[in-house]
Amino acid sequence: MKLDEDVKYIKGVGPNRVQILNKIGIFTLKDLITYYPRGYEDRSKPKNICECVNGEVALIEAVATSRFIDTRISKGRTMQKINIGDETGQATITWFNQPYLKSKFQVRKKI
């Protein structure tokens, strides 16, 4: 396959997918392999809790300091919380509608 061939000739790319790719400016194989995402999350450098800003997306390594708390909010919606800590501070992590996470965390285990 040549780099200047239309994306419709790529195995698994049907007419609907061709339309979606064309809308974002991808017409050839070269366009496809040189298309880079607008943004990404850097998960290569963990931060300490004291370096994080409220609401920031960050990678941290910490220890669960409390049990997982699963609270029903209303009409089947749930909120999950857990307290964590590292050598620099404490934080509370909150999720919504993800009760399966309860099995992922244990007190005094590194996460």
PDB file of N, CA and C in Angstrom:
ATOM      1  N   MET A   1       0.844  -1.180   0.000  1.00  0.00           N
ATOM      2  CA  MET A   1       0.000   0.000   0.000  1.00  0.00           C
ATOM      3  C   MET A   1       0.891   1.244   0.000  1.00  0.00           C
ATOM      4  N   LYS A   2       0.510   2.219  -0.778  1.00  0.00           N
ATOM      5  CA  LYS A   2       1.295   3.447  -0.891  1.00  0.00           C
ATOM      6  C   LYS A   2       0.720   4.519   0.022  1.00  0.00           C
ATOM      7  N   LEU A   3       1.593   5.425   0.459  1.00  0.00           N
ATOM      8  CA  LEU A   3       1.183   6.469   1.390  1.00  0.00           C
ATOM      9  C   LEU A   3       0.159   7.438   0.800  1.00  0.00           C
ATOM     10  N   ASP A   4       0.098   7.561  -0.516  1.00  0.00           N
ATOM     11  CA  ASP A   4      -0.841   8.512  -1.107  1.00  0.00           C
ATOM     12  C   ASP A   4      -2.175   7.861  -1.500  1.00  0.00           C
ATOM     13  N   GLU A   5      -2.390   6.606  -1.094  1.00  0.00           N
ATOM     14  CA  GLU A   5      -3.655   5.935  -1.396  1.00  0.00           C
ATOM     15  C   GLU A   5      -4.748   6.409  -0.447  1.00  0.00           C
ATOM     16  N   ASP A   6      -5.964   6.395  -0.939  1.00  0.00           N
ATOM     17  CA  ASP A   6      -7.126   6.829  -0.176  1.00  0.00           C
ATOM     18  C   ASP A   6      -7.353   5.903   1.024  1.00  0.00           C
ATOM     19  N   VAL A   7      -7.854   6.454   2.123  1.00  0.00           N
ATOM     20  CA  VAL A   7      -8.085   5.648   3.331  1.00  0.00           C
ATOM     21  C   VAL A   7      -9.156   4.582   3.133  1.00  0.00           C
ATOM     22  N   LYS A   8      -9.997   4.727   2.122  1.00  0.00           N
ATOM     23  CA  LYS A   8     -11.045   3.724   1.897  1.00  0.00           C
ATOM     24  C   LYS A   8     -10.477   2.363   1.500  1.00  0.00           C
ATOM     25  N   TYR A   9      -9.215   2.325   1.117  1.00  0.00           N
ATOM     26  CA  TYR A   9      -8.584   1.065   0.722  1.00  0.00           C
ATOM     27  C   TYR A   9      -7.909   0.347   1.897  1.00  0.00           C
ATOM     28  N   ILE A  10      -7.986   0.927   3.069  1.00  0.00           N
ATOM     29  CA  ILE A  10      -7.411   0.290   4.262  1.00  0.00           C
ATOM     30  C   ILE A  10      -8.404  -0.757   4.759  1.00  0.00           C
ATOM     31  N   LYS A  11      -7.908  -1.954   5.066  1.00  0.00           N
ATOM     32  CA  LYS A  11      -8.766  -3.042   5.534  1.00  0.00           C
ATOM     33  C   LYS A  11      -9.477  -2.615   6.826  1.00  0.00           C
ATOM     34  N   GLY A  12     -10.782  -2.816   6.858  1.00  0.00           N
ATOM     35  CA  GLY A  12     -11.571  -2.492   8.043  1.00  0.00           C
ATOM     36  C   GLY A  12     -12.151  -1.083   8.046  1.00  0.00           C
ATOM     37  N   VAL A  13     -11.794  -0.272   7.063  1.00  0.00           N
ATOM     38  CA  VAL A  13     -12.326   1.081   6.973  1.00  0.00           C
ATOM     39  C   VAL A  13     -13.455   1.076   5.941  1.00  0.00           C
ATOM     40  N   GLY A  14     -14.684   1.208   6.453  1.00  0.00           N
ATOM     41  CA  GLY A  14     -15.850   1.221   5.574  1.00  0.00           C
ATOM     42  C   GLY A  14     -16.265   2.637   5.211  1.00  0.00           C
ATOM     43  N   PRO A  15     -17.364   2.776   4.480  1.00  0.00           N
ATOM     44  CA  PRO A  15     -17.823   4.091   4.024  1.00  0.00           C
ATOM     45  C   PRO A  15     -18.111   5.069   5.161  1.00  0.00           C
ATOM     46  N   ASN A  16     -18.695   4.594   6.242  1.00  0.00           N
ATOM     47  CA  ASN A  16     -18.986   5.487   7.377  1.00  0.00           C
ATOM     48  C   ASN A  16     -17.698   6.002   8.011  1.00  0.00           C
ATOM     49  N   ARG A  17     -16.729   5.119   8.177  1.00  0.00           N
ATOM     50  CA  ARG A  17     -15.452   5.512   8.784  1.00  0.00           C
ATOM     51  C   ARG A  17     -14.706   6.478   7.867  1.00  0.00           C
ATOM     52  N   VAL A  18     -14.806   6.287   6.563  1.00  0.00           N
ATOM     53  CA  VAL A  18     -14.173   7.196   5.601  1.00  0.00           C
ATOM     54  C   VAL A  18     -14.728   8.600   5.780  1.00  0.00           C
ATOM     55  N   GLN A  19     -16.045   8.717   5.937  1.00  0.00           N
ATOM     56  CA  GLN A  19     -16.666  10.031   6.140  1.00  0.00           C
ATOM     57  C   GLN A  19     -16.152  10.687   7.417  1.00  0.00           C
ATOM     58  N   ILE A  20     -16.052   9.915   8.487  1.00  0.00           N
ATOM     59  CA  ILE A  20     -15.562  10.449   9.766  1.00  0.00           C
ATOM     60  C   ILE A  20     -14.114  10.927   9.619  1.00  0.00           C
ATOM     61  N   LEU A  21     -13.284  10.122   8.992  1.00  0.00           N
ATOM     62  CA  LEU A  21     -11.878  10.492   8.804  1.00  0.00           C
ATOM     63  C   LEU A  21     -11.754  11.730   7.910  1.00  0.00           C
ATOM     64  N   ASN A  22     -12.545  11.801   6.855  1.00  0.00           N
ATOM     65  CA  ASN A  22     -12.500  12.962   5.960  1.00  0.00           C
ATOM     66  C   ASN A  22     -12.901  14.242   6.686  1.00  0.00           C
ATOM     67  N   LYS A  23     -13.849  14.164   7.617  1.00  0.00           N
ATOM     68  CA  LYS A  23     -14.282  15.345   8.372  1.00  0.00           C
ATOM     69  C   LYS A  23     -13.157  15.944   9.201  1.00  0.00           C
ATOM     70  N   ILE A  24     -12.222  15.092   9.653  1.00  0.00           N
ATOM     71  CA  ILE A  24     -11.112  15.619  10.461  1.00  0.00           C
ATOM     72  C   ILE A  24      -9.842  15.811   9.636  1.00  0.00           C
ATOM     73  N   GLY A  25      -9.988  15.758   8.319  1.00  0.00           N
ATOM     74  CA  GLY A  25      -8.866  16.077   7.438  1.00  0.00           C
ATOM     75  C   GLY A  25      -7.962  14.925   7.075  1.00  0.00           C
ATOM     76  N   ILE A  26      -8.437  13.693   7.248  1.00  0.00           N
ATOM     77  CA  ILE A  26      -7.637  12.520   6.899  1.00  0.00           C
ATOM     78  C   ILE A  26      -8.197  11.916   5.618  1.00  0.00           C
ATOM     79  N   PHE A  27      -7.409  12.012   4.532  1.00  0.00           N
ATOM     80  CA  PHE A  27      -7.848  11.524   3.231  1.00  0.00           C
ATOM     81  C   PHE A  27      -6.967  10.386   2.701  1.00  0.00           C
ATOM     82  N   THR A  28      -5.689  10.372   3.113  1.00  0.00           N
ATOM     83  CA  THR A  28      -4.752   9.366   2.623  1.00  0.00           C
ATOM     84  C   THR A  28      -4.128   8.609   3.794  1.00  0.00           C
ATOM     85  N   LEU A  29      -3.438   7.530   3.472  1.00  0.00           N
ATOM     86  CA  LEU A  29      -2.724   6.772   4.503  1.00  0.00           C
ATOM     87  C   LEU A  29      -1.693   7.655   5.194  1.00  0.00           C
ATOM     88  N   LYS A  30      -1.014   8.508   4.423  1.00  0.00           N
ATOM     89  CA  LYS A  30      -0.024   9.423   5.006  1.00  0.00           C
ATOM     90  C   LYS A  30      -0.688  10.365   6.002  1.00  0.00           C
ATOM     91  N   ASP A  31      -1.861  10.899   5.662  1.00  0.00           N
ATOM     92  CA  ASP A  31      -2.602  11.760   6.596  1.00  0.00           C
ATOM     93  C   ASP A  31      -2.894  11.014   7.895  1.00  0.00           C
ATOM     94  N   LEU A  32      -3.271   9.737   7.757  1.00  0.00           N
ATOM     95  CA  LEU A  32      -3.637   8.935   8.921  1.00  0.00           C
ATOM     96  C   LEU A  32      -2.455   8.697   9.849  1.00  0.00           C
ATOM     97  N   ILE A  33      -1.307   8.315   9.306  1.00  0.00           N
ATOM     98  CA  ILE A  33      -0.173   7.995  10.179  1.00  0.00           C
ATOM     99  C   ILE A  33       0.548   9.240  10.689  1.00  0.00           C
ATOM    100  N   THR A  34       0.255  10.396  10.113  1.00  0.00           N
ATOM    101  CA  THR A  34       0.861  11.640  10.617  1.00  0.00           C
ATOM    102  C   THR A  34      -0.141  12.487  11.400  1.00  0.00           C
ATOM    103  N   TYR A  35      -1.310  11.918  11.703  1.00  0.00           N
ATOM    104  CA  TYR A  35      -2.323  12.616  12.495  1.00  0.00           C
ATOM    105  C   TYR A  35      -1.998  12.411  13.969  1.00  0.00           C
ATOM    106  N   TYR A  36      -1.799  13.486  14.690  1.00  0.00           N
ATOM    107  CA  TYR A  36      -1.456  13.415  16.100  1.00  0.00           C
ATOM    108  C   TYR A  36      -2.601  13.972  16.935  1.00  0.00           C
ATOM    109  N   PRO A  37      -2.856  13.399  18.080  1.00  0.00           N
ATOM    110  CA  PRO A  37      -3.950  13.897  18.909  1.00  0.00           C
ATOM    111  C   PRO A  37      -3.686  15.337  19.358  1.00  0.00           C
ATOM    112  N   ARG A  38      -4.777  16.039  19.602  1.00  0.00           N
ATOM    113  CA  ARG A  38      -4.699  17.438  20.035  1.00  0.00           C
ATOM    114  C   ARG A  38      -4.042  17.547  21.412  1.00  0.00           C
ATOM    115  N   GLY A  39      -4.286  16.581  22.264  1.00  0.00           N
ATOM    116  CA  GLY A  39      -3.712  16.609  23.603  1.00  0.00           C
ATOM    117  C   GLY A  39      -3.558  15.199  24.140  1.00  0.00           C
ATOM    118  N   TYR A  40      -2.828  15.058  25.216  1.00  0.00           N
ATOM    119  CA  TYR A  40      -2.674  13.754  25.837  1.00  0.00           C
ATOM    120  C   TYR A  40      -2.323  13.950  27.302  1.00  0.00           C
ATOM    121  N   GLU A  41      -2.480  12.900  28.080  1.00  0.00           N
ATOM    122  CA  GLU A  41      -2.121  12.928  29.491  1.00  0.00           C
ATOM    123  C   GLU A  41      -0.732  12.326  29.649  1.00  0.00           C
ATOM    124  N   ASP A  42       0.168  13.068  30.262  1.00  0.00           N
ATOM    125  CA  ASP A  42       1.516  12.566  30.502  1.00  0.00           C
ATOM    126  C   ASP A  42       1.497  11.733  31.773  1.00  0.00           C
ATOM    127  N   ARG A  43       1.616  10.432  31.625  1.00  0.00           N
ATOM    128  CA  ARG A  43       1.600   9.528  32.775  1.00  0.00           C
ATOM    129  C   ARG A  43       2.976   8.965  33.073  1.00  0.00           C
ATOM    130  N   SER A  44       4.010   9.671  32.647  1.00  0.00           N
ATOM    131  CA  SER A  44       5.362   9.176  32.850  1.00  0.00           C
ATOM    132  C   SER A  44       6.017   9.757  34.101  1.00  0.00           C
ATOM    133  N   LYS A  45       5.470  10.847  34.629  1.00  0.00           N
ATOM    134  CA  LYS A  45       6.093  11.515  35.772  1.00  0.00           C
ATOM    135  C   LYS A  45       5.092  11.690  36.905  1.00  0.00           C
ATOM    136  N   PRO A  46       5.121  10.788  37.898  1.00  0.00           N
ATOM    137  CA  PRO A  46       4.199  10.947  39.030  1.00  0.00           C
ATOM    138  C   PRO A  46       4.521  12.200  39.841  1.00  0.00           C
ATOM    139  N   LYS A  47       3.481  12.794  40.435  1.00  0.00           N
ATOM    140  CA  LYS A  47       3.637  13.969  41.293  1.00  0.00           C
ATOM    141  C   LYS A  47       3.388  13.576  42.741  1.00  0.00           C
ATOM    142  N   ASN A  48       3.930  14.370  43.650  1.00  0.00           N
ATOM    143  CA  ASN A  48       3.565  14.238  45.051  1.00  0.00           C
ATOM    144  C   ASN A  48       2.237  14.954  45.257  1.00  0.00           C
ATOM    145  N   ILE A  49       1.495  14.549  46.282  1.00  0.00           N
ATOM    146  CA  ILE A  49       0.195  15.156  46.543  1.00  0.00           C
ATOM    147  C   ILE A  49       0.326  16.662  46.782  1.00  0.00           C
ATOM    148  N   CYS A  50       1.374  17.100  47.447  1.00  0.00           N
ATOM    149  CA  CYS A  50       1.531  18.528  47.749  1.00  0.00           C
ATOM    150  C   CYS A  50       1.750  19.370  46.491  1.00  0.00           C
ATOM    151  N   GLU A  51       2.132  18.759  45.388  1.00  0.00           N
ATOM    152  CA  GLU A  51       2.363  19.476  44.133  1.00  0.00           C
ATOM    153  C   GLU A  51       1.095  19.612  43.282  1.00  0.00           C
ATOM    154  N   CYS A  52       0.053  18.876  43.638  1.00  0.00           N
ATOM    155  CA  CYS A  52      -1.172  18.859  42.833  1.00  0.00           C
ATOM    156  C   CYS A  52      -2.065  20.055  43.158  1.00  0.00           C
ATOM    157  N   VAL A  53      -2.811  20.474  42.138  1.00  0.00           N
ATOM    158  CA  VAL A  53      -3.776  21.559  42.279  1.00  0.00           C
ATOM    159  C   VAL A  53      -5.167  20.935  42.227  1.00  0.00           C
ATOM    160  N   ASN A  54      -6.091  21.442  43.035  1.00  0.00           N
ATOM    161  CA  ASN A  54      -7.448  20.906  43.078  1.00  0.00           C
ATOM    162  C   ASN A  54      -8.064  20.895  41.679  1.00  0.00           C
ATOM    163  N   GLY A  55      -8.569  19.736  41.247  1.00  0.00           N
ATOM    164  CA  GLY A  55      -9.188  19.604  39.948  1.00  0.00           C
ATOM    165  C   GLY A  55      -8.233  19.225  38.828  1.00  0.00           C
ATOM    166  N   GLU A  56      -6.943  19.207  39.089  1.00  0.00           N
ATOM    167  CA  GLU A  56      -5.938  18.886  38.075  1.00  0.00           C
ATOM    168  C   GLU A  56      -5.918  17.386  37.798  1.00  0.00           C
ATOM    169  N   VAL A  57      -5.688  17.014  36.545  1.00  0.00           N
ATOM    170  CA  VAL A  57      -5.477  15.613  36.188  1.00  0.00           C
ATOM    171  C   VAL A  57      -3.998  15.327  36.401  1.00  0.00           C
ATOM    172  N   ALA A  58      -3.689  14.373  37.282  1.00  0.00           N
ATOM    173  CA  ALA A  58      -2.294  14.091  37.597  1.00  0.00           C
ATOM    174  C   ALA A  58      -2.123  12.619  37.948  1.00  0.00           C
ATOM    175  N   LEU A  59      -0.916  12.131  37.768  1.00  0.00           N
ATOM    176  CA  LEU A  59      -0.552  10.779  38.184  1.00  0.00           C
ATOM    177  C   LEU A  59       0.135  10.894  39.536  1.00  0.00           C
ATOM    178  N   ILE A  60      -0.368  10.150  40.515  1.00  0.00           N
ATOM    179  CA  ILE A  60       0.262  10.139  41.835  1.00  0.00           C
ATOM    180  C   ILE A  60       0.381   8.700  42.305  1.00  0.00           C
ATOM    181  N   GLU A  61       1.383   8.459  43.134  1.00  0.00           N
ATOM    182  CA  GLU A  61       1.518   7.176  43.812  1.00  0.00           C
ATOM    183  C   GLU A  61       1.248   7.438  45.271  1.00  0.00           C
ATOM    184  N   ALA A  62       0.298   6.693  45.834  1.00  0.00           N
ATOM    185  CA  ALA A  62      -0.089   6.930  47.218  1.00  0.00           C
ATOM    186  C   ALA A  62      -0.582   5.636  47.839  1.00  0.00           C
ATOM    187  N   VAL A  63      -0.916   5.720  49.115  1.00  0.00           N
ATOM    188  CA  VAL A  63      -1.422   4.581  49.868  1.00  0.00           C
ATOM    189  C   VAL A  63      -2.849   4.909  50.295  1.00  0.00           C
ATOM    190  N   ALA A  64      -3.757   3.950  50.135  1.00  0.00           N
ATOM    191  CA  ALA A  64      -5.133   4.138  50.595  1.00  0.00           C
ATOM    192  C   ALA A  64      -5.122   4.200  52.116  1.00  0.00           C
ATOM    193  N   THR A  65      -5.674   5.282  52.674  1.00  0.00           N
ATOM    194  CA  THR A  65      -5.665   5.470  54.127  1.00  0.00           C
ATOM    195  C   THR A  65      -7.030   5.232  54.754  1.00  0.00           C
ATOM    196  N   SER A  66      -8.041   4.965  53.949  1.00  0.00           N
ATOM    197  CA  SER A  66      -9.376   4.660  54.477  1.00  0.00           C
ATOM    198  C   SER A  66     -10.036   3.635  53.571  1.00  0.00           C
ATOM    199  N   ARG A  67     -11.150   3.100  54.061  1.00  0.00           N
ATOM    200  CA  ARG A  67     -11.911   2.169  53.235  1.00  0.00           C
ATOM    201  C   ARG A  67     -12.611   2.936  52.121  1.00  0.00           C
ATOM    202  N   PHE A  68     -12.956   2.242  51.085  1.00  0.00           N
ATOM    203  CA  PHE A  68     -13.690   2.789  49.951  1.00  0.00           C
ATOM    204  C   PHE A  68     -15.117   3.077  50.406  1.00  0.00           C
ATOM    205  N   ILE A  69     -15.595   4.284  50.188  1.00  0.00           N
ATOM    206  CA  ILE A  69     -16.946   4.671  50.606  1.00  0.00           C
ATOM    207  C   ILE A  69     -17.826   4.803  49.365  1.00  0.00           C
ATOM    208  N   ASP A  70     -18.899   4.027  49.324  1.00  0.00           N
ATOM    209  CA  ASP A  70     -19.827   4.027  48.195  1.00  0.00           C
ATOM    210  C   ASP A  70     -21.154   4.602  48.691  1.00  0.00           C
ATOM    211  N   THR A  71     -21.577   5.753  48.164  1.00  0.00           N
ATOM    212  CA  THR A  71     -22.775   6.440  48.616  1.00  0.00           C
ATOM    213  C   THR A  71     -23.776   6.555  47.476  1.00  0.00           C
ATOM    214  N   ARG A  72     -25.033   6.234  47.770  1.00  0.00           N
ATOM    215  CA  ARG A  72     -26.088   6.403  46.770  1.00  0.00           C
ATOM    216  C   ARG A  72     -26.536   7.858  46.817  1.00  0.00           C
ATOM    217  N   ILE A  73     -26.508   8.535  45.665  1.00  0.00           N
ATOM    218  CA  ILE A  73     -26.878   9.947  45.599  1.00  0.00           C
ATOM    219  C   ILE A  73     -28.378  10.068  45.353  1.00  0.00           C
ATOM    220  N   SER A  74     -28.851   9.596  44.205  1.00  0.00           N
ATOM    221  CA  SER A  74     -30.281   9.594  43.905  1.00  0.00           C
ATOM    222  C   SER A  74     -30.530   8.832  42.619  1.00  0.00           C
ATOM    223  N   LYS A  75     -31.700   8.251  42.510  1.00  0.00           N
ATOM    224  CA  LYS A  75     -32.151   7.576  41.297  1.00  0.00           C
ATOM    225  C   LYS A  75     -31.091   6.660  40.668  1.00  0.00           C
ATOM    226  N   GLY A  76     -30.458   5.842  41.480  1.00  0.00           N
ATOM    227  CA  GLY A  76     -29.482   4.896  40.963  1.00  0.00           C
ATOM    228  C   GLY A  76     -28.089   5.455  40.754  1.00  0.00           C
ATOM    229  N   ARG A  77     -27.897   6.743  40.992  1.00  0.00           N
ATOM    230  CA  ARG A  77     -26.562   7.328  40.839  1.00  0.00           C
ATOM    231  C   ARG A  77     -25.787   7.139  42.135  1.00  0.00           C
ATOM    232  N   THR A  78     -24.489   6.876  41.993  1.00  0.00           N
ATOM    233  CA  THR A  78     -23.655   6.652  43.165  1.00  0.00           C
ATOM    234  C   THR A  78     -22.406   7.521  43.123  1.00  0.00           C
ATOM    235  N   MET A  79     -21.822   7.726  44.294  1.00  0.00           N
ATOM    236  CA  MET A  79     -20.572   8.471  44.417  1.00  0.00           C
ATOM    237  C   MET A  79     -19.618   7.609  45.238  1.00  0.00           C
ATOM    238  N   GLN A  80     -18.391   7.495  44.765  1.00  0.00           N
ATOM    239  CA  GLN A  80     -17.383   6.698  45.446  1.00  0.00           C
ATOM    240  C   GLN A  80     -16.243   7.616  45.884  1.00  0.00           C
ATOM    241  N   LYS A  81     -15.773   7.409  47.126  1.00  0.00           N
ATOM    242  CA  LYS A  81     -14.656   8.208  47.648  1.00  0.00           C
ATOM    243  C   LYS A  81     -13.664   7.309  48.354  1.00  0.00           C
ATOM    244  N   ILE A  82     -12.413   7.742  48.327  1.00  0.00           N
ATOM    245  CA  ILE A  82     -11.378   7.071  49.109  1.00  0.00           C
ATOM    246  C   ILE A  82     -10.338   8.119  49.490  1.00  0.00           C
ATOM    247  N   ASN A  83      -9.825   8.009  50.701  1.00  0.00           N
ATOM    248  CA  ASN A  83      -8.753   8.894  51.157  1.00  0.00           C
ATOM    249  C   ASN A  83      -7.422   8.224  50.873  1.00  0.00           C
ATOM    250  N   ILE A  84      -6.489   9.014  50.377  1.00  0.00           N
ATOM    251  CA  ILE A  84      -5.150   8.500  50.071  1.00  0.00           C
ATOM    252  C   ILE A  84      -4.115   9.434  50.684  1.00  0.00           C
ATOM    253  N   GLY A  85      -2.888   8.948  50.776  1.00  0.00           N
ATOM    254  CA  GLY A  85      -1.817   9.788  51.307  1.00  0.00           C
ATOM    255  C   GLY A  85      -0.457   9.307  50.836  1.00  0.00           C
ATOM    256  N   ASP A  86       0.471  10.263  50.789  1.00  0.00           N
ATOM    257  CA  ASP A  86       1.872   9.930  50.552  1.00  0.00           C
ATOM    258  C   ASP A  86       2.679  10.689  51.594  1.00  0.00           C
ATOM    259  N   GLU A  87       4.000  10.716  51.441  1.00  0.00           N
ATOM    260  CA  GLU A  87       4.841  11.360  52.452  1.00  0.00           C
ATOM    261  C   GLU A  87       4.661  12.879  52.509  1.00  0.00           C
ATOM    262  N   THR A  88       3.975  13.457  51.518  1.00  0.00           N
ATOM    263  CA  THR A  88       3.832  14.922  51.467  1.00  0.00           C
ATOM    264  C   THR A  88       2.440  15.431  51.810  1.00  0.00           C
ATOM    265  N   GLY A  89       1.446  14.551  51.886  1.00  0.00           N
ATOM    266  CA  GLY A  89       0.106  15.040  52.202  1.00  0.00           C
ATOM    267  C   GLY A  89      -0.980  14.000  52.026  1.00  0.00           C
ATOM    268  N   GLN A  90      -2.215  14.472  52.194  1.00  0.00           N
ATOM    269  CA  GLN A  90      -3.406  13.636  52.098  1.00  0.00           C
ATOM    270  C   GLN A  90      -4.332  14.207  51.020  1.00  0.00           C
ATOM    271  N   ALA A  91      -5.176  13.352  50.434  1.00  0.00           N
ATOM    272  CA  ALA A  91      -6.149  13.800  49.441  1.00  0.00           C
ATOM    273  C   ALA A  91      -7.332  12.847  49.447  1.00  0.00           C
ATOM    274  N   THR A  92      -8.447  13.329  48.940  1.00  0.00           N
ATOM    275  CA  THR A  92      -9.633  12.499  48.750  1.00  0.00           C
ATOM    276  C   THR A  92      -9.908  12.420  47.264  1.00  0.00           C
ATOM    277  N   ILE A  93     -10.106  11.210  46.774  1.00  0.00           N
ATOM    278  CA  ILE A  93     -10.432  11.004  45.365  1.00  0.00           C
ATOM    279  C   ILE A  93     -11.915  10.664  45.289  1.00  0.00           C
ATOM    280  N   THR A  94     -12.613  11.281  44.347  1.00  0.00           N
ATOM    281  CA  THR A  94     -14.042  11.062  44.173  1.00  0.00           C
ATOM    282  C   THR A  94     -14.336  10.611  42.749  1.00  0.00           C
ATOM    283  N   TRP A  95     -15.164   9.579  42.638  1.00  0.00           N
ATOM    284  CA  TRP A  95     -15.654   9.103  41.346  1.00  0.00           C
ATOM    285  C   TRP A  95     -17.170   9.093  41.399  1.00  0.00           C
ATOM    286  N   PHE A  96     -17.797   9.111  40.251  1.00  0.00           N
ATOM    287  CA  PHE A  96     -19.242   9.005  40.171  1.00  0.00           C
ATOM    288  C   PHE A  96     -19.613   7.804  39.316  1.00  0.00           C
ATOM    289  N   ASN A  97     -20.574   7.021  39.811  1.00  0.00           N
ATOM    290  CA  ASN A  97     -21.146   5.884  39.085  1.00  0.00           C
ATOM    291  C   ASN A  97     -20.108   4.851  38.641  1.00  0.00           C
ATOM    292  N   GLN A  98     -19.158   4.533  39.526  1.00  0.00           N
ATOM    293  CA  GLN A  98     -18.158   3.516  39.212  1.00  0.00           C
ATOM    294  C   GLN A  98     -17.949   2.577  40.412  1.00  0.00           C
ATOM    295  N   PRO A  99     -19.012   1.882  40.846  1.00  0.00           N
ATOM    296  CA  PRO A  99     -18.909   1.041  42.042  1.00  0.00           C
ATOM    297  C   PRO A  99     -17.940  -0.124  41.901  1.00  0.00           C
ATOM    298  N   TYR A 100     -17.617  -0.531  40.671  1.00  0.00           N
ATOM    299  CA  TYR A 100     -16.688  -1.638  40.460  1.00  0.00           C
ATOM    300  C   TYR A 100     -15.290  -1.322  41.007  1.00  0.00           C
ATOM    301  N   LEU A 101     -14.989  -0.047  41.234  1.00  0.00           N
ATOM    302  CA  LEU A 101     -13.665   0.332  41.734  1.00  0.00           C
ATOM    303  C   LEU A 101     -13.422  -0.142  43.168  1.00  0.00           C
ATOM    304  N   LYS A 102     -14.492  -0.478  43.887  1.00  0.00           N
ATOM    305  CA  LYS A 102     -14.357  -0.915  45.275  1.00  0.00           C
ATOM    306  C   LYS A 102     -13.387  -2.085  45.419  1.00  0.00           C
ATOM    307  N   SER A 103     -13.389  -2.976  44.456  1.00  0.00           N
ATOM    308  CA  SER A 103     -12.520  -4.156  44.534  1.00  0.00           C
ATOM    309  C   SER A 103     -11.059  -3.831  44.189  1.00  0.00           C
ATOM    310  N   LYS A 104     -10.777  -2.634  43.719  1.00  0.00           N
ATOM    311  CA  LYS A 104      -9.433  -2.257  43.284  1.00  0.00           C
ATOM    312  C   LYS A 104      -8.565  -1.671  44.400  1.00  0.00           C
ATOM    313  N   PHE A 105      -9.185  -1.265  45.525  1.00  0.00           N
ATOM    314  CA  PHE A 105      -8.441  -0.562  46.568  1.00  0.00           C
ATOM    315  C   PHE A 105      -8.525  -1.287  47.899  1.00  0.00           C
ATOM    316  N   GLN A 106      -7.370  -1.368  48.582  1.00  0.00           N
ATOM    317  CA  GLN A 106      -7.307  -1.942  49.915  1.00  0.00           C
ATOM    318  C   GLN A 106      -6.520  -0.986  50.809  1.00  0.00           C
ATOM    319  N   VAL A 107      -6.953  -0.871  52.071  1.00  0.00           N
ATOM    320  CA  VAL A 107      -6.295   0.031  53.032  1.00  0.00           C
ATOM    321  C   VAL A 107      -4.832  -0.386  53.196  1.00  0.00           C
ATOM    322  N   ARG A 108      -3.938   0.606  53.213  1.00  0.00           N
ATOM    323  CA  ARG A 108      -2.495   0.473  53.376  1.00  0.00           C
ATOM    324  C   ARG A 108      -1.810  -0.197  52.191  1.00  0.00           C
ATOM    325  N   LYS A 109      -2.491  -0.265  51.060  1.00  0.00           N
ATOM    326  CA  LYS A 109      -1.887  -0.793  49.838  1.00  0.00           C
ATOM    327  C   LYS A 109      -1.570   0.367  48.910  1.00  0.00           C
ATOM    328  N   LYS A 110      -0.418   0.291  48.258  1.00  0.00           N
ATOM    329  CA  LYS A 110       0.017   1.345  47.345  1.00  0.00           C
ATOM    330  C   LYS A 110      -0.823   1.303  46.068  1.00  0.00           C
ATOM    331  N   ILE A 111      -1.250   2.487  45.648  1.00  0.00           N
ATOM    332  CA  ILE A 111      -2.027   2.599  44.413  1.00  0.00           C
ATOM    333  C   ILE A 111      -1.420   3.656  43.516  1.00  0.00           C
TER     334      ILE A 111
END
